C-alpha atoms as a PDB file:
ATOM      1  CA  MET A   1      71.360-102.487 124.063  1.00  0.00           C
ATOM      2  CA  HIS A   2      73.591-101.289 126.907  1.00  0.00           C
ATOM      3  CA  GLU A   3      70.826 -99.025 128.201  1.00  0.00           C
ATOM      4  CA  LEU A   4      69.291-101.936 130.108  1.00  0.00           C
ATOM      5  CA  GLY A   5      72.598-102.671 131.836  1.00  0.00           C
ATOM      6  CA  ILE A   6      72.919 -99.014 132.785  1.00  0.00           C
ATOM      7  CA  VAL A   7      69.390 -99.016 134.187  1.00  0.00           C
ATOM      8  CA  PHE A   8      70.052-102.146 136.272  1.00  0.00           C
ATOM      9  CA  HIS A   9      73.196-100.542 137.688  1.00  0.00           C
ATOM     10  CA  VAL A  10      71.410 -97.257 138.448  1.00  0.00           C
ATOM     11  CA  ILE A  11      68.510 -99.042 140.153  1.00  0.00           C
ATOM     12  CA  ASP A  12      70.970-101.017 142.300  1.00  0.00           C
ATOM     13  CA  MET A  13      72.685 -97.777 143.339  1.00  0.00           C
ATOM     14  CA  VAL A  14      69.352 -96.029 143.962  1.00  0.00           C
ATOM     15  CA  GLU A  15      68.060 -98.930 146.078  1.00  0.00           C
ATOM     16  CA  LYS A  16      71.261 -98.904 148.123  1.00  0.00           C
ATOM     17  CA  ALA A  17      71.052 -95.133 148.703  1.00  0.00           C
ATOM     18  CA  ALA A  18      67.356 -95.370 149.590  1.00  0.00           C
ATOM     19  CA  SER A  19      68.023 -98.186 152.037  1.00  0.00           C
ATOM     20  CA  GLU A  20      70.922 -96.319 153.677  1.00  0.00           C
ATOM     21  CA  ASN A  21      68.617 -93.330 154.156  1.00  0.00           C
ATOM     22  CA  GLN A  22      65.604 -95.354 155.372  1.00  0.00           C
ATOM     23  CA  ALA A  23      63.480 -94.281 152.396  1.00  0.00           C
ATOM     24  CA  ALA A  24      60.358 -96.293 151.731  1.00  0.00           C
ATOM     25  CA  SER A  25      59.953 -95.306 148.093  1.00  0.00           C
ATOM     26  CA  VAL A  26      61.719 -93.525 145.250  1.00  0.00           C
ATOM     27  CA  ALA A  27      59.687 -90.868 143.420  1.00  0.00           C
ATOM     28  CA  SER A  28      62.229 -89.865 140.775  1.00  0.00           C
ATOM     29  CA  VAL A  29      65.802 -90.231 139.639  1.00  0.00           C
ATOM     30  CA  THR A  30      67.615 -87.567 137.642  1.00  0.00           C
ATOM     31  CA  LEU A  31      70.450 -88.715 135.402  1.00  0.00           C
ATOM     32  CA  GLU A  32      72.979 -86.559 133.614  1.00  0.00           C
ATOM     33  CA  LEU A  33      73.803 -87.982 130.176  1.00  0.00           C
ATOM     34  CA  GLY A  34      76.703 -86.708 128.177  1.00  0.00           C
ATOM     35  CA  GLU A  35      75.855 -85.615 124.663  1.00  0.00           C
ATOM     36  CA  VAL A  36      78.289 -88.168 123.172  1.00  0.00           C
ATOM     37  CA  SER A  37      77.850 -90.903 125.810  1.00  0.00           C
ATOM     38  CA  GLY A  38      76.320 -93.267 123.265  1.00  0.00           C
ATOM     39  CA  VAL A  39      73.254 -93.712 125.485  1.00  0.00           C
ATOM     40  CA  VAL A  40      69.926 -93.279 123.697  1.00  0.00           C
ATOM     41  CA  PRO A  41      67.580 -91.388 126.060  1.00  0.00           C
ATOM     42  CA  ASP A  42      64.372 -92.922 124.661  1.00  0.00           C
ATOM     43  CA  TYR A  43      65.776 -96.456 125.054  1.00  0.00           C
ATOM     44  CA  LEU A  44      66.959 -95.611 128.545  1.00  0.00           C
ATOM     45  CA  ALA A  45      63.483 -94.345 129.502  1.00  0.00           C
ATOM     46  CA  ASP A  46      61.827 -97.494 128.125  1.00  0.00           C
ATOM     47  CA  CYS A  47      64.255 -99.714 130.019  1.00  0.00           C
ATOM     48  CA  TRP A  48      63.692 -97.650 133.165  1.00  0.00           C
ATOM     49  CA  ARG A  49      59.917 -98.120 133.065  1.00  0.00           C
ATOM     50  CA  TRP A  50      60.312-101.876 132.643  1.00  0.00           C
ATOM     51  CA  ALA A  51      63.041-102.399 135.272  1.00  0.00           C
ATOM     52  CA  ALA A  52      61.695 -99.935 137.844  1.00  0.00           C
ATOM     53  CA  ALA A  53      58.340-101.740 137.807  1.00  0.00           C
ATOM     54  CA  LYS A  54      60.184-104.820 139.119  1.00  0.00           C
ATOM     55  CA  SER A  55      61.795-102.899 141.994  1.00  0.00           C
ATOM     56  CA  GLU A  56      59.986-102.583 145.292  1.00  0.00           C
ATOM     57  CA  LEU A  57      61.513 -99.150 146.012  1.00  0.00           C
ATOM     58  CA  ALA A  58      61.607 -97.714 142.478  1.00  0.00           C
ATOM     59  CA  SER A  59      58.268 -98.976 141.159  1.00  0.00           C
ATOM     60  CA  GLY A  60      56.355 -96.089 139.592  1.00  0.00           C
ATOM     61  CA  SER A  61      59.313 -93.721 139.809  1.00  0.00           C
ATOM     62  CA  GLU A  62      60.052 -91.160 137.125  1.00  0.00           C
ATOM     63  CA  LEU A  63      63.343 -91.017 135.247  1.00  0.00           C
ATOM     64  CA  ARG A  64      64.475 -87.494 134.420  1.00  0.00           C
ATOM     65  CA  ILE A  65      67.288 -86.988 131.948  1.00  0.00           C
ATOM     66  CA  GLU A  66      69.485 -83.906 131.647  1.00  0.00           C
ATOM     67  CA  THR A  67      71.885 -83.672 128.705  1.00  0.00           C
ATOM     68  CA  LEU A  68      75.430 -82.482 129.354  1.00  0.00           C
ATOM     69  CA  PRO A  69      77.101 -80.813 126.382  1.00  0.00           C
ATOM     70  CA  ALA A  70      80.202 -82.393 124.873  1.00  0.00           C
ATOM     71  CA  VAL A  71      83.225 -80.103 125.112  1.00  0.00           C
ATOM     72  CA  THR A  72      86.649 -80.770 123.604  1.00  0.00           C
ATOM     73  CA  ARG A  73      89.942 -79.095 124.510  1.00  0.00           C
ATOM     74  CA  CYS A  74      92.674 -78.360 121.991  1.00  0.00           C
ATOM     75  CA  GLY A  75      96.230 -79.169 122.998  1.00  0.00           C
ATOM     76  CA  GLY A  76      97.529 -76.856 120.278  1.00  0.00           C
ATOM     77  CA  CYS A  77      95.942 -73.584 121.341  1.00  0.00           C
ATOM     78  CA  GLY A  78      94.143 -74.435 124.603  1.00  0.00           C
ATOM     79  CA  ALA A  79      90.684 -73.565 123.275  1.00  0.00           C
ATOM     80  CA  ASP A  80      87.574 -75.392 124.465  1.00  0.00           C
ATOM     81  CA  TYR A  81      84.909 -75.925 121.825  1.00  0.00           C
ATOM     82  CA  PRO A  82      81.618 -77.794 121.231  1.00  0.00           C
ATOM     83  CA  THR A  83      82.499 -81.341 120.181  1.00  0.00           C
ATOM     84  CA  VAL A  84      79.384 -82.169 118.186  1.00  0.00           C
ATOM     85  CA  ALA A  85      79.685 -79.097 115.977  1.00  0.00           C
ATOM     86  CA  HIS A  86      83.390 -79.462 115.246  1.00  0.00           C
ATOM     87  CA  GLY A  87      84.501 -83.032 115.960  1.00  0.00           C
ATOM     88  CA  ARG A  88      88.152 -83.728 116.715  1.00  0.00           C
ATOM     89  CA  THR A  89      89.620 -80.803 114.772  1.00  0.00           C
ATOM     90  CA  CYS A  90      89.953 -77.510 116.614  1.00  0.00           C
ATOM     91  CA  PRO A  91      87.908 -74.796 114.842  1.00  0.00           C
ATOM     92  CA  ARG A  92      90.262 -72.118 116.159  1.00  0.00           C
ATOM     93  CA  CYS A  93      93.676 -73.438 115.046  1.00  0.00           C
ATOM     94  CA  GLY A  94      92.957 -76.595 113.019  1.00  0.00           C
ATOM     95  CA  SER A  95      94.917 -78.880 115.347  1.00  0.00           C
ATOM     96  CA  GLY A  96      93.976 -82.518 115.760  1.00  0.00           C
ATOM     97  CA  ASP A  97      95.687 -82.654 119.180  1.00  0.00           C
ATOM     98  CA  THR A  98      92.383 -82.620 121.054  1.00  0.00           C
ATOM     99  CA  TRP A  99      90.633 -84.546 123.800  1.00  0.00           C
ATOM    100  CA  LEU A 100      87.140 -84.755 125.223  1.00  0.00           C
ATOM    101  CA  LEU A 101      86.664 -82.826 128.468  1.00  0.00           C
ATOM    102  CA  THR A 102      82.992 -83.525 129.099  1.00  0.00           C
ATOM    103  CA  GLY A 103      80.122 -85.166 127.325  1.00  0.00           C
ATOM    104  CA  ASN A 104      80.522 -88.914 127.800  1.00  0.00           C
ATOM    105  CA  GLU A 105      79.241 -89.067 131.393  1.00  0.00           C
ATOM    106  CA  VAL A 106      76.347 -90.990 132.860  1.00  0.00           C
ATOM    107  CA  ASN A 107      75.824 -89.629 136.395  1.00  0.00           C
ATOM    108  CA  ILE A 108      73.119 -89.939 138.990  1.00  0.00           C
ATOM    109  CA  LYS A 109      72.438 -86.303 139.809  1.00  0.00           C
ATOM    110  CA  GLU A 110      69.504 -86.594 142.163  1.00  0.00           C
ATOM    111  CA  ILE A 111      67.302 -89.168 143.852  1.00  0.00           C
ATOM    112  CA  GLU A 112      63.952 -88.022 145.188  1.00  0.00           C
ATOM    113  CA  ALA A 113      62.799 -90.450 147.860  1.00  0.00           C
ATOM    114  CA  TYR A 114      60.472 -90.470 150.819  1.00  0.00           C
END
């Protein structure tokens, strides 16, 4: 389960940001998860509740998750298309010369602290 490792890393980054900004407590953290990141949101939320409870700054904080759509670009025709619906083959020209533009990210979007 790599979700726990992600949560530990995010909490470390959140604690550092909170400390640098003299925040006493973190109310919420918003993460952007790519649609094909391989991260399971429910597992991530469970890990967050467990790990945040052990953090002095993040204890009781809420984890908010926003899903970023996966988008693939075709090298054959230049089209961008939804990855999940069409996979690696361009629906416009049938080319397999494609690459993922977005959708595998895990980003901290926002930290609400006071």
